[in-house]
């Protein structure tokens, strides 16, 4: 049975430490976090965080909520489900 491209991308993305840590950080902060703050918490470059968030957003795992000067990041229901499943492993 062939996997869809979306499932392959999610699997390949989230089987690394930093993307999982990013999901965990977003989940723990319940939408009150932005890219620069995450890069400090995860000890990762800002550019890499932005790249991961764009991929996660495209896959439907995250959404953005724009304030005056910042884009706050939240997990979608799909993102929360995947994070919960990965946390149990």
PDB file of N, CA and C in Angstrom:
ATOM      1  N   UNK A   1       0.842  -1.170   0.000  1.00  0.00           N
ATOM      2  CA  UNK A   1       0.000   0.000   0.000  1.00  0.00           C
ATOM      3  C   UNK A   1       0.896   1.245   0.000  1.00  0.00           C
ATOM      4  N   UNK A   2       0.705   2.118  -0.926  1.00  0.00           N
ATOM      5  CA  UNK A   2       1.538   3.307  -1.065  1.00  0.00           C
ATOM      6  C   UNK A   2       1.058   4.411  -0.124  1.00  0.00           C
ATOM      7  N   UNK A   3       2.035   5.092   0.465  1.00  0.00           N
ATOM      8  CA  UNK A   3       1.725   6.219   1.342  1.00  0.00           C
ATOM      9  C   UNK A   3       1.521   7.477   0.511  1.00  0.00           C
ATOM     10  N   UNK A   4       0.690   8.366   1.011  1.00  0.00           N
ATOM     11  CA  UNK A   4       0.533   9.642   0.324  1.00  0.00           C
ATOM     12  C   UNK A   4       1.773  10.495   0.583  1.00  0.00           C
ATOM     13  N   UNK A   5       2.019  11.466  -0.287  1.00  0.00           N
ATOM     14  CA  UNK A   5       3.176  12.349  -0.127  1.00  0.00           C
ATOM     15  C   UNK A   5       3.119  13.094   1.191  1.00  0.00           C
ATOM     16  N   UNK A   6       1.925  13.494   1.599  1.00  0.00           N
ATOM     17  CA  UNK A   6       1.760  14.224   2.853  1.00  0.00           C
ATOM     18  C   UNK A   6       2.184  13.367   4.046  1.00  0.00           C
ATOM     19  N   UNK A   7       1.787  12.106   4.068  1.00  0.00           N
ATOM     20  CA  UNK A   7       2.163  11.224   5.173  1.00  0.00           C
ATOM     21  C   UNK A   7       3.666  10.979   5.195  1.00  0.00           C
ATOM     22  N   UNK A   8       4.262  10.807   4.035  1.00  0.00           N
ATOM     23  CA  UNK A   8       5.709  10.615   3.961  1.00  0.00           C
ATOM     24  C   UNK A   8       6.436  11.842   4.489  1.00  0.00           C
ATOM     25  N   UNK A   9       5.968  13.021   4.091  1.00  0.00           N
ATOM     26  CA  UNK A   9       6.604  14.260   4.522  1.00  0.00           C
ATOM     27  C   UNK A   9       6.485  14.419   6.025  1.00  0.00           C
ATOM     28  N   UNK A  10       5.316  14.160   6.579  1.00  0.00           N
ATOM     29  CA  UNK A  10       5.125  14.269   8.030  1.00  0.00           C
ATOM     30  C   UNK A  10       6.033  13.295   8.755  1.00  0.00           C
ATOM     31  N   UNK A  11       6.071  12.058   8.290  1.00  0.00           N
ATOM     32  CA  UNK A  11       6.918  11.048   8.933  1.00  0.00           C
ATOM     33  C   UNK A  11       8.387  11.462   8.888  1.00  0.00           C
ATOM     34  N   UNK A  12       8.869  11.860   7.708  1.00  0.00           N
ATOM     35  CA  UNK A  12      10.274  12.237   7.568  1.00  0.00           C
ATOM     36  C   UNK A  12      10.613  13.482   8.378  1.00  0.00           C
ATOM     37  N   UNK A  13       9.696  14.409   8.457  1.00  0.00           N
ATOM     38  CA  UNK A  13       9.925  15.646   9.198  1.00  0.00           C
ATOM     39  C   UNK A  13       9.992  15.397  10.695  1.00  0.00           C
ATOM     40  N   UNK A  14       9.049  14.655  11.222  1.00  0.00           N
ATOM     41  CA  UNK A  14       8.903  14.533  12.668  1.00  0.00           C
ATOM     42  C   UNK A  14       9.755  13.451  13.300  1.00  0.00           C
ATOM     43  N   UNK A  15      10.464  12.677  12.523  1.00  0.00           N
ATOM     44  CA  UNK A  15      11.340  11.674  13.103  1.00  0.00           C
ATOM     45  C   UNK A  15      12.720  12.239  13.445  1.00  0.00           C
ATOM     46  N   UNK A  16      12.832  13.545  13.468  1.00  0.00           N
ATOM     47  CA  UNK A  16      14.066  14.218  13.869  1.00  0.00           C
ATOM     48  C   UNK A  16      13.811  14.964  15.170  1.00  0.00           C
ATOM     49  N   UNK A  17      14.868  15.223  15.943  1.00  0.00           N
ATOM     50  CA  UNK A  17      14.713  15.849  17.256  1.00  0.00           C
ATOM     51  C   UNK A  17      14.129  17.258  17.206  1.00  0.00           C
ATOM     52  N   UNK A  18      14.685  18.121  16.384  1.00  0.00           N
ATOM     53  CA  UNK A  18      14.272  19.532  16.383  1.00  0.00           C
ATOM     54  C   UNK A  18      12.805  19.730  15.984  1.00  0.00           C
ATOM     55  N   UNK A  19      12.313  19.076  14.932  1.00  0.00           N
ATOM     56  CA  UNK A  19      10.889  19.245  14.612  1.00  0.00           C
ATOM     57  C   UNK A  19       9.973  18.773  15.742  1.00  0.00           C
ATOM     58  N   UNK A  20      10.338  17.664  16.394  1.00  0.00           N
ATOM     59  CA  UNK A  20       9.526  17.208  17.523  1.00  0.00           C
ATOM     60  C   UNK A  20       9.587  18.223  18.659  1.00  0.00           C
ATOM     61  N   UNK A  21      10.776  18.733  18.941  1.00  0.00           N
ATOM     62  CA  UNK A  21      10.917  19.737  19.991  1.00  0.00           C
ATOM     63  C   UNK A  21      10.111  20.993  19.658  1.00  0.00           C
ATOM     64  N   UNK A  22      10.037  21.329  18.379  1.00  0.00           N
ATOM     65  CA  UNK A  22       9.241  22.479  17.955  1.00  0.00           C
ATOM     66  C   UNK A  22       7.764  22.231  18.247  1.00  0.00           C
ATOM     67  N   UNK A  23       7.244  21.068  17.896  1.00  0.00           N
ATOM     68  CA  UNK A  23       5.853  20.727  18.207  1.00  0.00           C
ATOM     69  C   UNK A  23       5.605  20.779  19.712  1.00  0.00           C
ATOM     70  N   UNK A  24       6.548  20.253  20.458  1.00  0.00           N
ATOM     71  CA  UNK A  24       6.421  20.238  21.916  1.00  0.00           C
ATOM     72  C   UNK A  24       6.395  21.657  22.481  1.00  0.00           C
ATOM     73  N   UNK A  25       7.253  22.511  21.980  1.00  0.00           N
ATOM     74  CA  UNK A  25       7.316  23.895  22.446  1.00  0.00           C
ATOM     75  C   UNK A  25       6.029  24.644  22.108  1.00  0.00           C
ATOM     76  N   UNK A  26       5.523  24.456  20.912  1.00  0.00           N
ATOM     77  CA  UNK A  26       4.266  25.101  20.523  1.00  0.00           C
ATOM     78  C   UNK A  26       3.137  24.593  21.415  1.00  0.00           C
ATOM     79  N   UNK A  27       3.084  23.291  21.642  1.00  0.00           N
ATOM     80  CA  UNK A  27       2.038  22.695  22.459  1.00  0.00           C
ATOM     81  C   UNK A  27       2.100  23.208  23.899  1.00  0.00           C
ATOM     82  N   UNK A  28       3.292  23.271  24.454  1.00  0.00           N
ATOM     83  CA  UNK A  28       3.456  23.706  25.845  1.00  0.00           C
ATOM     84  C   UNK A  28       3.110  25.169  26.054  1.00  0.00           C
ATOM     85  N   UNK A  29       3.212  25.970  25.005  1.00  0.00           N
ATOM     86  CA  UNK A  29       2.952  27.406  25.131  1.00  0.00           C
ATOM     87  C   UNK A  29       1.579  27.811  24.608  1.00  0.00           C
ATOM     88  N   UNK A  30       0.804  26.858  24.148  1.00  0.00           N
ATOM     89  CA  UNK A  30      -0.590  27.060  23.769  1.00  0.00           C
ATOM     90  C   UNK A  30      -0.837  28.319  22.931  1.00  0.00           C
ATOM     91  N   UNK A  31      -0.042  28.484  21.885  1.00  0.00           N
ATOM     92  CA  UNK A  31      -0.275  29.592  20.957  1.00  0.00           C
ATOM     93  C   UNK A  31       0.253  30.932  21.411  1.00  0.00           C
ATOM     94  N   UNK A  32       0.995  30.958  22.484  1.00  0.00           N
ATOM     95  CA  UNK A  32       1.559  32.223  22.969  1.00  0.00           C
ATOM     96  C   UNK A  32       3.064  32.270  22.722  1.00  0.00           C
ATOM     97  N   UNK A  33       3.468  31.812  21.576  1.00  0.00           N
ATOM     98  CA  UNK A  33       4.889  31.767  21.266  1.00  0.00           C
ATOM     99  C   UNK A  33       5.092  32.155  19.805  1.00  0.00           C
ATOM    100  N   UNK A  34       6.232  32.724  19.511  1.00  0.00           N
ATOM    101  CA  UNK A  34       6.561  33.129  18.154  1.00  0.00           C
ATOM    102  C   UNK A  34       7.933  32.581  17.784  1.00  0.00           C
ATOM    103  N   UNK A  35       8.300  32.712  16.540  1.00  0.00           N
ATOM    104  CA  UNK A  35       9.487  32.049  15.984  1.00  0.00           C
ATOM    105  C   UNK A  35      10.785  32.358  16.728  1.00  0.00           C
ATOM    106  N   UNK A  36      11.036  33.626  17.005  1.00  0.00           N
ATOM    107  CA  UNK A  36      12.297  33.992  17.672  1.00  0.00           C
ATOM    108  C   UNK A  36      12.382  33.368  19.061  1.00  0.00           C
ATOM    109  N   UNK A  37      11.281  33.340  19.769  1.00  0.00           N
ATOM    110  CA  UNK A  37      11.251  32.750  21.107  1.00  0.00           C
ATOM    111  C   UNK A  37      11.530  31.243  21.027  1.00  0.00           C
ATOM    112  N   UNK A  38      10.954  30.591  20.003  1.00  0.00           N
ATOM    113  CA  UNK A  38      11.166  29.153  19.839  1.00  0.00           C
ATOM    114  C   UNK A  38      12.617  28.843  19.504  1.00  0.00           C
ATOM    115  N   UNK A  39      13.230  29.669  18.683  1.00  0.00           N
ATOM    116  CA  UNK A  39      14.620  29.398  18.311  1.00  0.00           C
ATOM    117  C   UNK A  39      15.530  29.444  19.542  1.00  0.00           C
ATOM    118  N   UNK A  40      15.219  30.302  20.492  1.00  0.00           N
ATOM    119  CA  UNK A  40      15.998  30.360  21.740  1.00  0.00           C
ATOM    120  C   UNK A  40      15.726  29.151  22.621  1.00  0.00           C
ATOM    121  N   UNK A  41      14.462  28.779  22.751  1.00  0.00           N
ATOM    122  CA  UNK A  41      14.110  27.649  23.611  1.00  0.00           C
ATOM    123  C   UNK A  41      14.660  26.330  23.093  1.00  0.00           C
ATOM    124  N   UNK A  42      14.672  26.165  21.778  1.00  0.00           N
ATOM    125  CA  UNK A  42      15.105  24.902  21.172  1.00  0.00           C
ATOM    126  C   UNK A  42      16.604  24.905  20.878  1.00  0.00           C
ATOM    127  N   UNK A  43      17.218  26.078  20.965  1.00  0.00           N
ATOM    128  CA  UNK A  43      18.633  26.257  20.634  1.00  0.00           C
ATOM    129  C   UNK A  43      18.883  25.870  19.180  1.00  0.00           C
ATOM    130  N   UNK A  44      18.189  26.593  18.320  1.00  0.00           N
ATOM    131  CA  UNK A  44      18.220  26.335  16.892  1.00  0.00           C
ATOM    132  C   UNK A  44      18.163  27.679  16.173  1.00  0.00           C
ATOM    133  N   UNK A  45      18.657  27.745  14.965  1.00  0.00           N
ATOM    134  CA  UNK A  45      18.656  29.019  14.251  1.00  0.00           C
ATOM    135  C   UNK A  45      17.241  29.470  13.912  1.00  0.00           C
ATOM    136  N   UNK A  46      17.057  30.762  13.885  1.00  0.00           N
ATOM    137  CA  UNK A  46      15.767  31.355  13.549  1.00  0.00           C
ATOM    138  C   UNK A  46      15.331  30.925  12.146  1.00  0.00           C
ATOM    139  N   UNK A  47      16.264  30.919  11.211  1.00  0.00           N
ATOM    140  CA  UNK A  47      15.956  30.548   9.828  1.00  0.00           C
ATOM    141  C   UNK A  47      15.430  29.111   9.744  1.00  0.00           C
ATOM    142  N   UNK A  48      16.035  28.216  10.497  1.00  0.00           N
ATOM    143  CA  UNK A  48      15.593  26.819  10.483  1.00  0.00           C
ATOM    144  C   UNK A  48      14.199  26.688  11.097  1.00  0.00           C
ATOM    145  N   UNK A  49      13.944  27.412  12.175  1.00  0.00           N
ATOM    146  CA  UNK A  49      12.620  27.394  12.811  1.00  0.00           C
ATOM    147  C   UNK A  49      11.558  27.879  11.828  1.00  0.00           C
ATOM    148  N   UNK A  50      11.836  28.979  11.141  1.00  0.00           N
ATOM    149  CA  UNK A  50      10.884  29.527  10.169  1.00  0.00           C
ATOM    150  C   UNK A  50      10.625  28.510   9.060  1.00  0.00           C
ATOM    151  N   UNK A  51      11.668  27.860   8.605  1.00  0.00           N
ATOM    152  CA  UNK A  51      11.523  26.842   7.554  1.00  0.00           C
ATOM    153  C   UNK A  51      10.640  25.687   8.041  1.00  0.00           C
ATOM    154  N   UNK A  52      10.890  25.198   9.256  1.00  0.00           N
ATOM    155  CA  UNK A  52      10.086  24.103   9.804  1.00  0.00           C
ATOM    156  C   UNK A  52       8.626  24.519   9.973  1.00  0.00           C
ATOM    157  N   UNK A  53       8.405  25.718  10.445  1.00  0.00           N
ATOM    158  CA  UNK A  53       7.037  26.189  10.660  1.00  0.00           C
ATOM    159  C   UNK A  53       6.297  26.302   9.333  1.00  0.00           C
ATOM    160  N   UNK A  54       6.980  26.770   8.292  1.00  0.00           N
ATOM    161  CA  UNK A  54       6.340  26.849   6.972  1.00  0.00           C
ATOM    162  C   UNK A  54       5.934  25.472   6.478  1.00  0.00           C
ATOM    163  N   UNK A  55       6.807  24.489   6.659  1.00  0.00           N
ATOM    164  CA  UNK A  55       6.492  23.123   6.240  1.00  0.00           C
ATOM    165  C   UNK A  55       5.324  22.583   7.063  1.00  0.00           C
ATOM    166  N   UNK A  56       5.361  22.794   8.377  1.00  0.00           N
ATOM    167  CA  UNK A  56       4.285  22.318   9.241  1.00  0.00           C
ATOM    168  C   UNK A  56       2.961  23.011   8.916  1.00  0.00           C
ATOM    169  N   UNK A  57       3.034  24.280   8.572  1.00  0.00           N
ATOM    170  CA  UNK A  57       1.833  25.024   8.202  1.00  0.00           C
ATOM    171  C   UNK A  57       1.249  24.467   6.902  1.00  0.00           C
ATOM    172  N   UNK A  58       2.115  24.181   5.946  1.00  0.00           N
ATOM    173  CA  UNK A  58       1.676  23.632   4.662  1.00  0.00           C
ATOM    174  C   UNK A  58       1.025  22.259   4.841  1.00  0.00           C
ATOM    175  N   UNK A  59       1.520  21.493   5.817  1.00  0.00           N
ATOM    176  CA  UNK A  59       0.984  20.161   6.094  1.00  0.00           C
ATOM    177  C   UNK A  59      -0.257  20.212   6.986  1.00  0.00           C
ATOM    178  N   UNK A  60      -0.620  21.397   7.431  1.00  0.00           N
ATOM    179  CA  UNK A  60      -1.814  21.542   8.260  1.00  0.00           C
ATOM    180  C   UNK A  60      -1.601  21.239   9.727  1.00  0.00           C
ATOM    181  N   UNK A  61      -0.343  21.304  10.195  1.00  0.00           N
ATOM    182  CA  UNK A  61      -0.050  21.021  11.601  1.00  0.00           C
ATOM    183  C   UNK A  61      -0.071  22.278  12.459  1.00  0.00           C
ATOM    184  N   UNK A  62       0.169  23.430  11.855  1.00  0.00           N
ATOM    185  CA  UNK A  62       0.205  24.691  12.598  1.00  0.00           C
ATOM    186  C   UNK A  62      -0.608  25.755  11.889  1.00  0.00           C
ATOM    187  N   UNK A  63      -0.961  26.777  12.638  1.00  0.00           N
ATOM    188  CA  UNK A  63      -1.608  27.963  12.080  1.00  0.00           C
ATOM    189  C   UNK A  63      -0.943  29.185  12.689  1.00  0.00           C
ATOM    190  N   UNK A  64      -1.139  30.319  12.049  1.00  0.00           N
ATOM    191  CA  UNK A  64      -0.582  31.578  12.525  1.00  0.00           C
ATOM    192  C   UNK A  64      -1.705  32.486  13.002  1.00  0.00           C
ATOM    193  N   UNK A  65      -1.419  33.222  14.038  1.00  0.00           N
ATOM    194  CA  UNK A  65      -2.328  34.256  14.505  1.00  0.00           C
ATOM    195  C   UNK A  65      -1.481  35.525  14.597  1.00  0.00           C
ATOM    196  N   UNK A  66      -1.755  36.477  13.728  1.00  0.00           N
ATOM    197  CA  UNK A  66      -0.930  37.678  13.678  1.00  0.00           C
ATOM    198  C   UNK A  66      -1.396  38.715  14.686  1.00  0.00           C
ATOM    199  N   UNK A  67      -0.429  39.244  15.439  1.00  0.00           N
ATOM    200  CA  UNK A  67      -0.676  40.376  16.319  1.00  0.00           C
ATOM    201  C   UNK A  67      -0.053  41.584  15.638  1.00  0.00           C
ATOM    202  N   UNK A  68       0.127  42.661  16.359  1.00  0.00           N
ATOM    203  CA  UNK A  68       0.682  43.867  15.735  1.00  0.00           C
ATOM    204  C   UNK A  68       2.030  43.622  15.068  1.00  0.00           C
ATOM    205  N   UNK A  69       2.937  42.977  15.770  1.00  0.00           N
ATOM    206  CA  UNK A  69       4.292  42.817  15.242  1.00  0.00           C
ATOM    207  C   UNK A  69       4.782  41.375  15.170  1.00  0.00           C
ATOM    208  N   UNK A  70       3.976  40.438  15.624  1.00  0.00           N
ATOM    209  CA  UNK A  70       4.447  39.058  15.708  1.00  0.00           C
ATOM    210  C   UNK A  70       3.398  38.098  15.164  1.00  0.00           C
ATOM    211  N   UNK A  71       3.890  36.965  14.668  1.00  0.00           N
ATOM    212  CA  UNK A  71       3.014  35.864  14.272  1.00  0.00           C
ATOM    213  C   UNK A  71       3.082  34.819  15.374  1.00  0.00           C
ATOM    214  N   UNK A  72       2.002  34.674  16.087  1.00  0.00           N
ATOM    215  CA  UNK A  72       1.932  33.662  17.126  1.00  0.00           C
ATOM    216  C   UNK A  72       1.556  32.339  16.454  1.00  0.00           C
ATOM    217  N   UNK A  73       2.149  31.257  16.923  1.00  0.00           N
ATOM    218  CA  UNK A  73       1.969  29.965  16.279  1.00  0.00           C
ATOM    219  C   UNK A  73       1.184  29.032  17.190  1.00  0.00           C
ATOM    220  N   UNK A  74       0.227  28.342  16.599  1.00  0.00           N
ATOM    221  CA  UNK A  74      -0.605  27.366  17.317  1.00  0.00           C
ATOM    222  C   UNK A  74      -0.607  26.044  16.559  1.00  0.00           C
ATOM    223  N   UNK A  75      -0.867  24.979  17.298  1.00  0.00           N
ATOM    224  CA  UNK A  75      -1.072  23.683  16.663  1.00  0.00           C
ATOM    225  C   UNK A  75      -2.527  23.569  16.244  1.00  0.00           C
ATOM    226  N   UNK A  76      -2.751  22.981  15.100  1.00  0.00           N
ATOM    227  CA  UNK A  76      -4.107  22.677  14.650  1.00  0.00           C
ATOM    228  C   UNK A  76      -4.549  21.391  15.362  1.00  0.00           C
ATOM    229  N   UNK A  77      -5.805  21.027  15.259  1.00  0.00           N
ATOM    230  CA  UNK A  77      -6.222  19.734  15.827  1.00  0.00           C
ATOM    231  C   UNK A  77      -5.390  18.564  15.276  1.00  0.00           C
ATOM    232  N   UNK A  78      -5.069  18.618  13.994  1.00  0.00           N
ATOM    233  CA  UNK A  78      -4.219  17.582  13.386  1.00  0.00           C
ATOM    234  C   UNK A  78      -2.829  17.597  14.022  1.00  0.00           C
ATOM    235  N   UNK A  79      -2.261  18.784  14.230  1.00  0.00           N
ATOM    236  CA  UNK A  79      -0.954  18.914  14.860  1.00  0.00           C
ATOM    237  C   UNK A  79      -0.962  18.402  16.292  1.00  0.00           C
ATOM    238  N   UNK A  80      -2.048  18.688  17.028  1.00  0.00           N
ATOM    239  CA  UNK A  80      -2.176  18.210  18.412  1.00  0.00           C
ATOM    240  C   UNK A  80      -2.263  16.690  18.452  1.00  0.00           C
ATOM    241  N   UNK A  81      -2.996  16.126  17.508  1.00  0.00           N
ATOM    242  CA  UNK A  81      -3.143  14.660  17.455  1.00  0.00           C
ATOM    243  C   UNK A  81      -1.803  13.994  17.174  1.00  0.00           C
ATOM    244  N   UNK A  82      -1.072  14.534  16.201  1.00  0.00           N
ATOM    245  CA  UNK A  82       0.235  13.956  15.860  1.00  0.00           C
ATOM    246  C   UNK A  82       1.213  14.116  17.013  1.00  0.00           C
ATOM    247  N   UNK A  83       1.209  15.274  17.665  1.00  0.00           N
ATOM    248  CA  UNK A  83       2.091  15.484  18.812  1.00  0.00           C
ATOM    249  C   UNK A  83       1.764  14.486  19.932  1.00  0.00           C
ATOM    250  N   UNK A  84       0.477  14.291  20.204  1.00  0.00           N
ATOM    251  CA  UNK A  84       0.063  13.349  21.252  1.00  0.00           C
ATOM    252  C   UNK A  84       0.547  11.938  20.926  1.00  0.00           C
ATOM    253  N   UNK A  85       0.384  11.516  19.679  1.00  0.00           N
ATOM    254  CA  UNK A  85       0.830  10.183  19.265  1.00  0.00           C
ATOM    255  C   UNK A  85       2.345  10.033  19.399  1.00  0.00           C
ATOM    256  N   UNK A  86       3.085  11.052  18.989  1.00  0.00           N
ATOM    257  CA  UNK A  86       4.551  10.990  19.073  1.00  0.00           C
ATOM    258  C   UNK A  86       5.033  11.023  20.524  1.00  0.00           C
ATOM    259  N   UNK A  87       4.310  11.719  21.373  1.00  0.00           N
ATOM    260  CA  UNK A  87       4.688  11.809  22.794  1.00  0.00           C
ATOM    261  C   UNK A  87       4.559  10.474  23.498  1.00  0.00           C
ATOM    262  N   UNK A  88       3.635   9.658  23.018  1.00  0.00           N
ATOM    263  CA  UNK A  88       3.406   8.355  23.635  1.00  0.00           C
ATOM    264  C   UNK A  88       4.448   7.315  23.243  1.00  0.00           C
ATOM    265  N   UNK A  89       5.209   7.596  22.209  1.00  0.00           N
ATOM    266  CA  UNK A  89       6.202   6.623  21.726  1.00  0.00           C
ATOM    267  C   UNK A  89       7.422   6.641  22.614  1.00  0.00           C
TER     268      UNK A  89
END
